[in-house]
Protein backbone atom coordinates (compact mmCIF):
# COMPACT_ATOMS: atom_id res chain seq x y z
CA UNK A 1 131.63 44.95 165.32
CA UNK A 2 128.04 43.67 165.39
CA UNK A 3 127.96 43.55 169.18
CA UNK A 4 128.99 47.18 169.51
CA UNK A 5 126.88 48.54 166.64
CA UNK A 6 123.51 47.13 167.71
CA UNK A 7 123.11 48.97 171.07
CA UNK A 8 123.62 52.35 169.36
CA UNK A 9 119.97 52.67 168.32
CA UNK A 10 118.33 51.91 171.71
CA UNK A 11 120.92 53.92 173.65
CA UNK A 12 120.59 56.83 171.26
CA UNK A 13 116.81 56.63 171.50
CA UNK A 14 116.94 56.69 175.30
CA UNK A 15 119.24 59.70 175.33
CA UNK A 16 117.00 61.54 172.86
CA UNK A 17 113.80 60.75 174.74
CA UNK A 18 114.34 63.14 177.66
CA UNK A 19 115.31 66.35 175.78
CA UNK A 20 112.75 65.73 173.02
CA UNK A 21 110.05 64.95 175.57
CA UNK A 22 110.88 68.10 177.50
CA UNK A 23 110.80 70.19 174.31
CA UNK A 24 107.50 68.75 173.06
CA UNK A 25 105.51 68.34 176.25
CA UNK A 26 107.33 70.42 178.85
CA UNK A 27 105.41 73.68 178.27
CA UNK A 28 102.13 71.76 178.57
CA UNK A 29 102.83 70.41 182.06
CA UNK A 30 104.99 73.12 183.66
CA UNK A 31 103.98 76.55 184.88
CA UNK A 32 105.90 79.47 183.36
CA UNK A 33 108.99 80.52 185.31
CA UNK A 34 108.08 83.84 186.93
CA UNK A 35 111.03 86.18 187.68
CA UNK A 36 111.38 86.86 191.37
CA UNK A 37 108.96 84.12 192.42
CA UNK A 38 111.65 82.55 194.63
CA UNK A 39 114.94 83.56 196.19
CA UNK A 40 117.85 83.82 193.70
CA UNK A 41 120.20 80.82 193.51
CA UNK A 42 118.21 78.85 196.07
CA UNK A 43 119.24 75.20 196.45
CA UNK A 44 116.98 72.41 195.30
CA UNK A 45 114.11 71.22 197.44
CA UNK A 46 110.44 71.78 198.16
CA UNK A 47 108.60 73.46 195.32
CA UNK A 48 111.84 73.83 193.32
CA UNK A 49 113.49 70.38 193.02
CA UNK A 50 116.42 71.80 191.01
CA UNK A 51 116.59 75.16 192.79
CA UNK A 52 116.37 78.60 191.20
CA UNK A 53 118.46 80.77 188.90
CA UNK A 54 119.79 84.29 189.45
CA UNK A 55 116.38 85.83 188.77
CA UNK A 56 114.62 83.59 191.25
CA UNK A 57 113.01 81.42 188.57
CA UNK A 58 112.43 77.70 189.03
CA UNK A 59 115.18 75.83 187.13
CA UNK A 60 112.89 72.85 186.41
CA UNK A 61 110.28 75.15 184.85
CA UNK A 62 112.99 76.81 182.75
CA UNK A 63 114.22 73.38 181.68
CA UNK A 64 110.76 72.33 180.52
CA UNK A 65 110.10 75.59 178.70
CA UNK A 66 113.52 76.07 177.07
CA UNK A 67 113.69 73.07 174.75
CA UNK A 68 111.33 74.30 172.07
CA UNK A 69 113.50 77.25 171.16
CA UNK A 70 116.84 75.45 171.61
CA UNK A 71 115.92 72.42 169.49
CA UNK A 72 113.20 73.95 167.34
CA UNK A 73 115.48 76.60 165.86
CA UNK A 74 118.18 74.03 165.09
CA UNK A 75 115.82 71.49 163.53
CA UNK A 76 114.07 74.22 161.56
CA UNK A 77 117.37 75.53 160.20
CA UNK A 78 118.47 72.06 159.06
CA UNK A 79 115.09 71.37 157.46
CA UNK A 80 115.23 74.62 155.45
CA UNK A 81 118.87 74.00 154.49
CA UNK A 82 118.16 70.44 153.31
CA UNK A 83 115.11 71.49 151.28
CA UNK A 84 116.79 74.47 149.62
CA UNK A 85 120.25 72.92 149.26
CA UNK A 86 118.84 69.59 148.11
CA UNK A 87 116.74 71.21 145.39
CA UNK A 88 119.65 73.35 144.16
CA UNK A 89 122.06 70.41 144.13
CA UNK A 90 119.60 68.16 142.33
CA UNK A 91 118.87 70.77 139.67
CA UNK A 92 122.58 71.48 139.19
CA UNK A 93 123.48 67.79 138.81
CA UNK A 94 120.75 67.10 136.27
CA UNK A 95 121.12 70.34 134.28
CA UNK A 96 121.65 69.73 130.56
CA UNK A 97 123.92 72.74 130.11
CA UNK A 98 127.20 73.39 131.89
CA UNK A 99 126.38 77.06 132.35
CA UNK A 100 123.18 76.18 134.23
CA UNK A 101 125.18 74.04 136.66
CA UNK A 102 127.66 76.87 137.22
CA UNK A 103 124.88 79.43 137.64
CA UNK A 104 123.29 77.40 140.41
CA UNK A 105 126.42 76.36 142.33
CA UNK A 106 128.92 79.23 142.00
CA UNK A 107 126.87 81.88 143.85
CA UNK A 108 126.79 79.55 146.86
CA UNK A 109 130.60 79.60 146.99
CA UNK A 110 130.35 83.17 148.29
CA UNK A 111 128.75 81.89 151.51
CA UNK A 112 131.22 79.03 152.11
CA UNK A 113 134.12 81.06 153.58
CA UNK A 114 131.90 83.29 155.74
CA UNK A 115 132.15 82.56 159.50
CA UNK A 116 128.75 81.47 160.73
CA UNK A 117 128.79 83.55 163.90
CA UNK A 118 129.68 86.60 161.81
CA UNK A 119 126.57 86.04 159.67
CA UNK A 120 124.47 85.59 162.81
CA UNK A 121 125.96 88.75 164.32
CA UNK A 122 125.02 90.79 161.24
CA UNK A 123 121.49 89.37 161.28
CA UNK A 124 121.18 90.06 165.00
CA UNK A 125 121.87 93.76 164.43
CA UNK A 126 118.65 94.18 162.47
CA UNK A 127 116.49 91.40 163.95
CA UNK A 128 117.71 91.00 167.50
CA UNK A 129 115.73 88.46 169.48
CA UNK A 130 113.98 87.05 166.40
CA UNK A 131 114.03 83.22 166.37
CA UNK A 132 113.00 83.17 162.70
CA UNK A 133 115.89 85.45 161.67
CA UNK A 134 118.49 83.37 163.53
CA UNK A 135 117.01 80.16 162.10
CA UNK A 136 117.19 81.48 158.54
CA UNK A 137 120.76 82.75 159.08
CA UNK A 138 121.91 79.30 160.22
CA UNK A 139 120.00 77.69 157.37
CA UNK A 140 121.66 80.02 154.83
CA UNK A 141 125.20 79.04 155.84
CA UNK A 142 124.25 75.34 155.66
CA UNK A 143 122.72 75.51 152.17
CA UNK A 144 126.07 75.50 150.24
CA UNK A 145 127.51 72.31 151.80
CA UNK A 146 124.18 70.51 151.48
CA UNK A 147 123.86 71.57 147.82
CA UNK A 148 127.40 70.38 147.06
CA UNK A 149 126.80 67.05 148.79
CA UNK A 150 123.55 66.43 146.88
CA UNK A 151 125.13 67.54 143.60
CA UNK A 152 128.06 65.14 144.00
CA UNK A 153 125.79 62.21 144.84
CA UNK A 154 123.29 63.07 142.10
CA UNK A 155 126.00 63.37 139.42
CA UNK A 156 126.99 59.74 139.94
CA UNK A 157 123.38 58.60 139.84
CA UNK A 158 122.46 60.70 136.79
CA UNK A 159 125.37 59.26 134.77
CA UNK A 160 124.90 55.66 135.91
CA UNK A 161 123.87 52.79 133.58
CA UNK A 162 120.50 52.61 135.37
CA UNK A 163 119.68 56.22 134.47
CA UNK A 164 120.81 55.62 130.89
CA UNK A 165 118.61 52.53 130.66
CA UNK A 166 115.62 54.52 131.91
CA UNK A 167 116.26 57.13 129.20
CA UNK A 168 116.43 54.42 126.52
CA UNK A 169 113.11 53.01 127.77
CA UNK A 170 111.54 56.41 127.15
CA UNK A 171 111.12 57.54 130.76
CA UNK A 172 110.67 61.29 131.11
CA UNK A 173 113.56 63.39 132.40
CA UNK A 174 111.45 64.63 135.31
CA UNK A 175 110.57 61.10 136.41
CA UNK A 176 114.20 59.99 136.26
CA UNK A 177 115.21 62.97 138.42
CA UNK A 178 112.46 62.56 141.01
CA UNK A 179 112.28 58.77 141.08
CA UNK A 180 115.78 57.38 140.61
CA UNK A 181 118.26 60.25 141.08
CA UNK A 182 116.47 61.81 144.05
CA UNK A 183 116.20 58.44 145.83
CA UNK A 184 119.90 57.83 145.22
CA UNK A 185 120.92 60.89 147.25
CA UNK A 186 118.77 60.02 150.28
CA UNK A 187 121.43 57.81 151.90
CA UNK A 188 124.28 60.38 151.90
CA UNK A 189 121.89 63.15 152.94
CA UNK A 190 120.55 61.03 155.82
CA UNK A 191 124.12 60.31 156.93
CA UNK A 192 124.88 64.03 156.87
CA UNK A 193 121.76 65.14 158.75
CA UNK A 194 122.91 63.85 162.14
CA UNK A 195 126.14 65.84 162.01
CA UNK A 196 124.38 68.89 160.57
CA UNK A 197 121.73 68.97 163.31
CA UNK A 198 124.47 68.69 165.93
CA UNK A 199 126.28 71.63 164.33
CA UNK A 200 123.03 73.61 164.18
CA UNK A 201 122.35 72.97 167.89
CA UNK A 202 125.87 74.22 168.63
CA UNK A 203 125.36 77.35 166.52
CA UNK A 204 121.96 78.15 168.03
CA UNK A 205 123.37 77.62 171.49
CA UNK A 206 126.43 79.77 170.73
CA UNK A 207 124.29 82.59 169.36
CA UNK A 208 122.00 82.55 172.40
CA UNK A 209 124.91 82.15 174.81
CA UNK A 210 126.67 85.20 173.30
CA UNK A 211 123.51 87.29 173.44
CA UNK A 212 123.07 87.38 169.63
CA UNK A 213 119.84 85.40 169.59
CA UNK A 214 116.95 85.39 172.00
CA UNK A 215 116.17 87.84 174.78
CA UNK A 216 118.52 87.45 177.80
CA UNK A 217 115.54 86.52 180.00
CA UNK A 218 114.20 83.82 177.63
CA UNK A 219 113.90 80.31 179.11
CA UNK A 220 116.10 78.87 176.32
CA UNK A 221 118.64 76.29 177.50
CA UNK A 222 121.67 78.14 176.13
CA UNK A 223 120.39 81.47 177.47
CA UNK A 224 119.93 79.83 180.89
CA UNK A 225 123.52 78.56 180.81
CA UNK A 226 124.81 82.01 179.89
CA UNK A 227 122.75 83.83 182.50
CA UNK A 228 123.52 81.45 185.37
CA UNK A 229 127.20 80.76 184.72
CA UNK A 230 128.30 83.41 187.24
CA UNK A 231 126.43 81.55 189.99
CA UNK A 232 127.74 78.11 189.04
CA UNK A 233 129.27 77.50 192.47
CA UNK A 234 126.15 78.71 194.27
CA UNK A 235 123.60 76.82 192.20
CA UNK A 236 125.24 74.35 189.77
CA UNK A 237 121.95 72.85 188.51
CA UNK A 238 120.98 76.15 186.89
CA UNK A 239 123.87 75.54 184.46
CA UNK A 240 124.31 71.76 184.51
CA UNK A 241 120.66 70.82 183.86
CA UNK A 242 120.27 72.68 180.52
CA UNK A 243 123.82 71.72 179.52
CA UNK A 244 123.02 68.04 180.10
CA UNK A 245 119.90 68.37 177.94
CA UNK A 246 121.95 69.70 175.02
CA UNK A 247 124.63 67.02 175.47
CA UNK A 248 122.07 64.21 175.67
CA UNK A 249 120.36 65.42 172.51
CA UNK A 250 123.53 65.69 170.41
CA UNK A 251 125.08 62.43 171.65
CA UNK A 252 121.80 60.53 171.35
CA UNK A 253 121.17 61.83 167.84
CA UNK A 254 124.64 60.80 166.62
CA UNK A 255 124.39 57.37 168.23
CA UNK A 256 121.00 56.84 166.61
CA UNK A 257 122.28 57.97 163.20
CA UNK A 258 125.40 55.77 163.45
CA UNK A 259 123.32 52.78 164.48
CA UNK A 260 120.90 53.24 161.59
CA UNK A 261 123.78 53.55 159.11
CA UNK A 262 125.46 50.42 160.47
CA UNK A 263 122.19 48.51 160.18
CA UNK A 264 121.70 49.79 156.62
CA UNK A 265 125.19 48.64 155.63
CA UNK A 266 124.58 45.16 157.04
CA UNK A 267 121.31 44.95 155.13
CA UNK A 268 123.01 45.91 151.87
CA UNK A 269 125.79 43.39 152.44
CA UNK A 270 123.21 40.66 153.11
CA UNK A 271 121.40 41.48 149.87
CA UNK A 272 124.64 41.29 147.91
């Protein structure tokens, strides 16, 4: 078990390095992909190492420019969902009155059964091509599960002997919530973030692939896959390169999260 768990962190870090590096620094080192600058679906070589797409744009330039939207929208959506859902769940778990707990949690149940792509489709009708609108739509459908997760973890912490001892010692309710209860939910939230970011990347990619997100000519990785899929046999790198970036990011992130969790468990067992 130890021999297989340890390599997860370095392997995950290596897989994450390329897509994250492309997203952060790619636009700074690559020239914008100009439509019609080269012949459509040209093979790799010369000034275009990975060839061109159907619009005659350099695939490598698209690859370096497309990561910020593909990963930025997903990470932004998860950040908003964790902040909003975490606050709602924490307030619901530590509410003194039952009706306050119900008032905070029950309205979120309306969003739980809604298909995510349906919500994105409705948002796309009014704000087509808006990265902020798609990000907020994905964040909205992730708030209910995050809030429920935080509430469940915070309920155990708020009713634990440690919390009761802090109350007896005269600690303020706000300090107990922010210091002890909030810290107690960090571990389950951290374990959930890896899966939630992967799901958000899938949703952002699906929205852009189906034409519900960004403009069809945007250099986004999912948009590039959608636009070049008809020429897969002519120029496979126009589809495979952005697809590999998305796969490396999701696999690397999950390996890194699993490795960190395994290391955390071993540390806790050693302390015990």
